[in-house]
């Protein structure tokens, strides 16, 4: 499975690159801490298989999966790859790494 650092993901956002963020946490977690990015969707990992149709990116698009620290998003990456998505990456360290390195106004939980 491919990974992407929070720094590299931030570069992609800042450069206007076409990437899609799939947040696989629970809704209550997103209320605590969220990356403000318009091209994203929240689908909890345990619901992902049944909600693949809600992913607003084609199977060739770059999809970054994110959770709190990287475990659930790794599972999401594996599922997406099994379903034929070709350019899936796990956000290394998840939202907590983002909060430590990119947006320190966000809480680490």
N, C-alpha and C. Protein backbone atom coordinates (compact mmCIF):
# COMPACT_ATOMS: atom_id res chain seq x y z
N UNK A 1 0.85 -1.18 0.00
CA UNK A 1 0.00 0.00 0.00
C UNK A 1 0.89 1.24 0.00
N UNK A 2 0.48 2.20 -0.79
CA UNK A 2 1.22 3.46 -0.87
C UNK A 2 0.79 4.38 0.28
N UNK A 3 1.75 5.18 0.74
CA UNK A 3 1.45 6.18 1.76
C UNK A 3 1.86 7.55 1.24
N UNK A 4 1.27 8.56 1.84
CA UNK A 4 1.64 9.95 1.54
C UNK A 4 1.78 10.67 2.88
N UNK A 5 2.81 11.51 2.99
CA UNK A 5 2.98 12.28 4.22
C UNK A 5 2.02 13.46 4.23
N UNK A 6 1.79 14.00 5.41
CA UNK A 6 0.93 15.17 5.51
C UNK A 6 1.55 16.37 4.79
N UNK A 7 2.88 16.45 4.80
CA UNK A 7 3.56 17.55 4.11
C UNK A 7 3.33 17.47 2.60
N UNK A 8 3.43 16.27 2.05
CA UNK A 8 3.24 16.09 0.60
C UNK A 8 1.78 16.35 0.22
N UNK A 9 0.85 15.90 1.07
CA UNK A 9 -0.57 16.15 0.81
C UNK A 9 -0.85 17.66 0.83
N UNK A 10 -0.27 18.36 1.79
CA UNK A 10 -0.43 19.82 1.87
C UNK A 10 0.12 20.49 0.62
N UNK A 11 1.27 20.03 0.13
CA UNK A 11 1.84 20.56 -1.11
C UNK A 11 0.87 20.39 -2.27
N UNK A 12 0.27 19.21 -2.37
CA UNK A 12 -0.68 18.94 -3.45
C UNK A 12 -1.87 19.90 -3.37
N UNK A 13 -2.38 20.11 -2.17
CA UNK A 13 -3.50 21.04 -1.99
C UNK A 13 -3.07 22.45 -2.41
N UNK A 14 -1.92 22.89 -1.90
CA UNK A 14 -1.43 24.24 -2.18
C UNK A 14 -1.15 24.46 -3.67
N UNK A 15 -0.76 23.38 -4.36
CA UNK A 15 -0.47 23.47 -5.80
C UNK A 15 -1.71 23.30 -6.66
N UNK A 16 -2.86 23.09 -6.04
CA UNK A 16 -4.10 22.94 -6.79
C UNK A 16 -4.22 21.62 -7.54
N UNK A 17 -3.46 20.62 -7.10
CA UNK A 17 -3.53 19.31 -7.75
C UNK A 17 -4.88 18.65 -7.46
N UNK A 18 -5.33 17.85 -8.41
CA UNK A 18 -6.59 17.13 -8.26
C UNK A 18 -6.38 15.90 -7.39
N UNK A 19 -6.76 15.98 -6.15
CA UNK A 19 -6.74 14.84 -5.25
C UNK A 19 -8.08 14.78 -4.52
N UNK A 20 -8.43 13.60 -4.09
CA UNK A 20 -9.69 13.38 -3.40
C UNK A 20 -9.38 12.83 -2.01
N UNK A 21 -9.95 13.43 -0.99
CA UNK A 21 -9.73 13.01 0.39
C UNK A 21 -10.93 12.21 0.87
N UNK A 22 -10.66 10.97 1.27
CA UNK A 22 -11.70 10.11 1.83
C UNK A 22 -11.41 9.93 3.32
N UNK A 23 -12.25 10.56 4.13
CA UNK A 23 -12.14 10.49 5.59
C UNK A 23 -12.95 9.29 6.05
N UNK A 24 -12.30 8.30 6.66
CA UNK A 24 -12.99 7.07 7.05
C UNK A 24 -13.23 6.98 8.56
N UNK A 25 -13.20 8.13 9.23
CA UNK A 25 -13.49 8.17 10.66
C UNK A 25 -15.00 8.20 10.88
N UNK A 26 -15.40 8.23 12.14
CA UNK A 26 -16.81 8.36 12.51
C UNK A 26 -17.18 9.85 12.48
N UNK A 27 -18.46 10.18 12.25
CA UNK A 27 -18.87 11.58 12.19
C UNK A 27 -18.46 12.40 13.42
N UNK A 28 -18.57 11.83 14.62
CA UNK A 28 -18.22 12.60 15.82
C UNK A 28 -16.74 13.00 15.81
N UNK A 29 -15.90 12.18 15.18
CA UNK A 29 -14.48 12.51 15.12
C UNK A 29 -14.23 13.72 14.22
N UNK A 30 -15.01 13.83 13.15
CA UNK A 30 -14.83 14.95 12.24
C UNK A 30 -15.24 16.26 12.92
N UNK A 31 -16.16 16.20 13.85
CA UNK A 31 -16.53 17.40 14.59
C UNK A 31 -15.38 17.88 15.46
N UNK A 32 -14.57 16.95 15.95
CA UNK A 32 -13.43 17.31 16.80
C UNK A 32 -12.30 17.93 16.00
N UNK A 33 -12.04 17.37 14.82
CA UNK A 33 -10.85 17.75 14.07
C UNK A 33 -11.07 17.41 12.60
N UNK A 34 -10.87 18.39 11.72
CA UNK A 34 -11.19 18.19 10.31
C UNK A 34 -10.22 18.97 9.43
N UNK A 35 -9.82 18.35 8.33
CA UNK A 35 -9.06 19.06 7.31
C UNK A 35 -10.09 19.75 6.42
N UNK A 36 -10.01 21.06 6.37
CA UNK A 36 -10.94 21.83 5.53
C UNK A 36 -10.49 21.72 4.08
N UNK A 37 -11.14 20.84 3.35
CA UNK A 37 -10.79 20.58 1.95
C UNK A 37 -12.06 20.23 1.21
N UNK A 38 -12.36 20.96 0.16
CA UNK A 38 -13.66 20.82 -0.49
C UNK A 38 -13.85 19.50 -1.23
N UNK A 39 -12.79 18.89 -1.72
CA UNK A 39 -12.92 17.67 -2.50
C UNK A 39 -12.74 16.45 -1.58
N UNK A 40 -13.71 16.31 -0.65
CA UNK A 40 -13.60 15.23 0.32
C UNK A 40 -14.97 14.69 0.70
N UNK A 41 -14.94 13.49 1.25
CA UNK A 41 -16.17 12.81 1.70
C UNK A 41 -15.86 12.07 2.99
N UNK A 42 -16.83 12.02 3.87
CA UNK A 42 -16.74 11.24 5.10
C UNK A 42 -17.58 9.98 4.93
N UNK A 43 -16.92 8.82 4.98
CA UNK A 43 -17.60 7.53 4.98
C UNK A 43 -16.87 6.65 5.99
N UNK A 44 -17.49 6.36 7.13
CA UNK A 44 -16.82 5.50 8.11
C UNK A 44 -16.38 4.18 7.49
N UNK A 45 -15.21 3.72 7.89
CA UNK A 45 -14.60 2.55 7.25
C UNK A 45 -15.52 1.33 7.29
N UNK A 46 -16.27 1.15 8.37
CA UNK A 46 -17.14 -0.03 8.45
C UNK A 46 -18.35 0.07 7.53
N UNK A 47 -18.58 1.23 6.92
CA UNK A 47 -19.68 1.41 5.98
C UNK A 47 -19.19 1.53 4.53
N UNK A 48 -17.89 1.53 4.35
CA UNK A 48 -17.32 1.87 3.05
C UNK A 48 -17.75 0.93 1.94
N UNK A 49 -17.70 -0.36 2.15
CA UNK A 49 -18.04 -1.31 1.08
C UNK A 49 -19.44 -1.03 0.52
N UNK A 50 -20.39 -0.73 1.38
CA UNK A 50 -21.75 -0.48 0.95
C UNK A 50 -22.01 0.92 0.42
N UNK A 51 -21.02 1.80 0.53
CA UNK A 51 -21.22 3.19 0.12
C UNK A 51 -20.20 3.66 -0.92
N UNK A 52 -19.59 2.72 -1.63
CA UNK A 52 -18.59 3.08 -2.64
C UNK A 52 -19.14 4.04 -3.68
N UNK A 53 -20.45 3.95 -3.95
CA UNK A 53 -21.06 4.84 -4.94
C UNK A 53 -21.03 6.31 -4.53
N UNK A 54 -20.74 6.59 -3.26
CA UNK A 54 -20.67 7.98 -2.78
C UNK A 54 -19.30 8.61 -3.00
N UNK A 55 -18.33 7.82 -3.40
CA UNK A 55 -17.00 8.37 -3.67
C UNK A 55 -17.09 9.16 -4.97
N UNK A 56 -16.79 10.43 -4.89
CA UNK A 56 -16.93 11.32 -6.03
C UNK A 56 -15.61 11.45 -6.79
N UNK A 57 -15.01 10.30 -7.07
CA UNK A 57 -13.76 10.25 -7.83
C UNK A 57 -13.78 8.96 -8.64
N UNK A 58 -13.21 8.99 -9.84
CA UNK A 58 -13.19 7.77 -10.62
C UNK A 58 -12.06 6.85 -10.15
N UNK A 59 -12.03 5.66 -10.70
CA UNK A 59 -11.10 4.65 -10.21
C UNK A 59 -9.64 4.94 -10.55
N UNK A 60 -9.38 5.93 -11.41
CA UNK A 60 -8.01 6.31 -11.74
C UNK A 60 -7.54 7.53 -10.96
N UNK A 61 -8.45 8.19 -10.27
CA UNK A 61 -8.12 9.42 -9.55
C UNK A 61 -7.24 9.13 -8.34
N UNK A 62 -6.47 10.13 -7.93
CA UNK A 62 -5.68 9.99 -6.71
C UNK A 62 -6.60 10.19 -5.51
N UNK A 63 -6.70 9.14 -4.69
CA UNK A 63 -7.55 9.17 -3.51
C UNK A 63 -6.66 9.00 -2.28
N UNK A 64 -6.77 9.96 -1.36
CA UNK A 64 -6.03 9.92 -0.10
C UNK A 64 -7.02 9.49 0.98
N UNK A 65 -6.75 8.37 1.64
CA UNK A 65 -7.60 7.90 2.73
C UNK A 65 -7.01 8.38 4.06
N UNK A 66 -7.90 8.83 4.94
CA UNK A 66 -7.46 9.41 6.20
C UNK A 66 -8.34 8.93 7.35
N UNK A 67 -7.69 8.70 8.50
CA UNK A 67 -8.42 8.44 9.74
C UNK A 67 -7.69 9.19 10.86
N UNK A 68 -7.78 8.72 12.09
CA UNK A 68 -7.13 9.40 13.21
C UNK A 68 -5.62 9.27 13.13
N UNK A 69 -5.14 8.03 12.94
CA UNK A 69 -3.69 7.83 12.96
C UNK A 69 -3.15 6.95 11.84
N UNK A 70 -4.01 6.38 11.03
CA UNK A 70 -3.55 5.61 9.87
C UNK A 70 -3.98 4.17 9.78
N UNK A 71 -4.52 3.60 10.85
CA UNK A 71 -4.92 2.20 10.85
C UNK A 71 -6.17 1.91 10.04
N UNK A 72 -7.24 2.62 10.33
CA UNK A 72 -8.50 2.41 9.60
C UNK A 72 -8.37 2.80 8.14
N UNK A 73 -7.61 3.86 7.89
CA UNK A 73 -7.44 4.30 6.49
C UNK A 73 -6.63 3.28 5.70
N UNK A 74 -5.72 2.55 6.35
CA UNK A 74 -4.99 1.48 5.67
C UNK A 74 -5.97 0.39 5.22
N UNK A 75 -6.93 0.05 6.08
CA UNK A 75 -7.96 -0.92 5.71
C UNK A 75 -8.80 -0.40 4.54
N UNK A 76 -9.11 0.89 4.57
CA UNK A 76 -9.89 1.49 3.48
C UNK A 76 -9.11 1.42 2.16
N UNK A 77 -7.82 1.68 2.22
CA UNK A 77 -6.99 1.60 1.02
C UNK A 77 -7.04 0.20 0.43
N UNK A 78 -6.90 -0.80 1.28
CA UNK A 78 -6.94 -2.19 0.82
C UNK A 78 -8.27 -2.51 0.17
N UNK A 79 -9.36 -2.08 0.78
CA UNK A 79 -10.69 -2.33 0.22
C UNK A 79 -10.83 -1.65 -1.15
N UNK A 80 -10.42 -0.39 -1.24
CA UNK A 80 -10.53 0.33 -2.51
C UNK A 80 -9.69 -0.34 -3.60
N UNK A 81 -8.50 -0.78 -3.25
CA UNK A 81 -7.66 -1.47 -4.23
C UNK A 81 -8.33 -2.76 -4.70
N UNK A 82 -8.95 -3.49 -3.79
CA UNK A 82 -9.69 -4.70 -4.16
C UNK A 82 -10.84 -4.39 -5.11
N UNK A 83 -11.40 -3.19 -4.97
CA UNK A 83 -12.53 -2.78 -5.81
C UNK A 83 -12.08 -2.12 -7.13
N UNK A 84 -10.78 -2.10 -7.38
CA UNK A 84 -10.28 -1.62 -8.66
C UNK A 84 -9.80 -0.18 -8.70
N UNK A 85 -9.75 0.48 -7.55
CA UNK A 85 -9.20 1.83 -7.51
C UNK A 85 -7.68 1.72 -7.62
N UNK A 86 -7.09 2.52 -8.50
CA UNK A 86 -5.69 2.31 -8.87
C UNK A 86 -4.69 3.25 -8.22
N UNK A 87 -5.13 4.38 -7.69
CA UNK A 87 -4.19 5.37 -7.18
C UNK A 87 -4.60 5.81 -5.78
N UNK A 88 -4.58 4.86 -4.86
CA UNK A 88 -5.02 5.07 -3.48
C UNK A 88 -3.80 5.19 -2.57
N UNK A 89 -3.84 6.16 -1.67
CA UNK A 89 -2.73 6.36 -0.73
C UNK A 89 -3.28 6.56 0.68
N UNK A 90 -2.54 6.06 1.65
CA UNK A 90 -2.88 6.22 3.05
C UNK A 90 -2.17 7.47 3.58
N UNK A 91 -2.91 8.36 4.25
CA UNK A 91 -2.30 9.54 4.84
C UNK A 91 -1.55 9.11 6.10
N UNK A 92 -0.24 9.12 6.02
CA UNK A 92 0.62 8.62 7.10
C UNK A 92 0.42 9.47 8.36
N UNK A 93 0.03 8.80 9.45
CA UNK A 93 -0.18 9.49 10.73
C UNK A 93 -1.55 10.10 10.88
N UNK A 94 -2.35 10.14 9.82
CA UNK A 94 -3.73 10.61 9.87
C UNK A 94 -3.89 12.06 10.30
N UNK A 95 -5.10 12.35 10.79
CA UNK A 95 -5.43 13.72 11.20
C UNK A 95 -4.55 14.18 12.35
N UNK A 96 -4.11 13.25 13.20
CA UNK A 96 -3.25 13.66 14.32
C UNK A 96 -1.91 14.16 13.82
N UNK A 97 -1.35 13.54 12.79
CA UNK A 97 -0.09 14.02 12.22
C UNK A 97 -0.31 15.37 11.55
N UNK A 98 -1.45 15.52 10.88
CA UNK A 98 -1.80 16.80 10.25
C UNK A 98 -1.87 17.90 11.33
N UNK A 99 -2.49 17.57 12.46
CA UNK A 99 -2.63 18.55 13.55
C UNK A 99 -1.27 18.91 14.15
N UNK A 100 -0.35 17.97 14.20
CA UNK A 100 0.99 18.25 14.75
C UNK A 100 1.86 19.04 13.79
N UNK A 101 1.80 18.72 12.50
CA UNK A 101 2.74 19.28 11.54
C UNK A 101 2.20 20.39 10.65
N UNK A 102 0.91 20.41 10.39
CA UNK A 102 0.35 21.35 9.40
C UNK A 102 -0.55 22.40 10.05
N UNK A 103 -1.56 21.96 10.77
CA UNK A 103 -2.53 22.88 11.37
C UNK A 103 -2.57 22.65 12.88
N UNK A 104 -1.71 23.35 13.57
CA UNK A 104 -1.58 23.14 15.02
C UNK A 104 -2.76 23.69 15.82
N UNK A 105 -3.71 24.33 15.13
CA UNK A 105 -4.92 24.78 15.83
C UNK A 105 -5.88 23.61 16.07
N UNK A 106 -5.68 22.51 15.38
CA UNK A 106 -6.54 21.34 15.55
C UNK A 106 -6.10 20.52 16.75
N UNK A 107 -7.06 19.91 17.46
CA UNK A 107 -6.67 19.07 18.59
C UNK A 107 -6.14 17.72 18.13
N UNK A 108 -5.22 17.18 18.90
CA UNK A 108 -4.77 15.80 18.71
C UNK A 108 -5.59 14.98 19.70
N UNK A 109 -6.18 13.90 19.22
CA UNK A 109 -7.03 13.10 20.11
C UNK A 109 -6.72 11.63 20.01
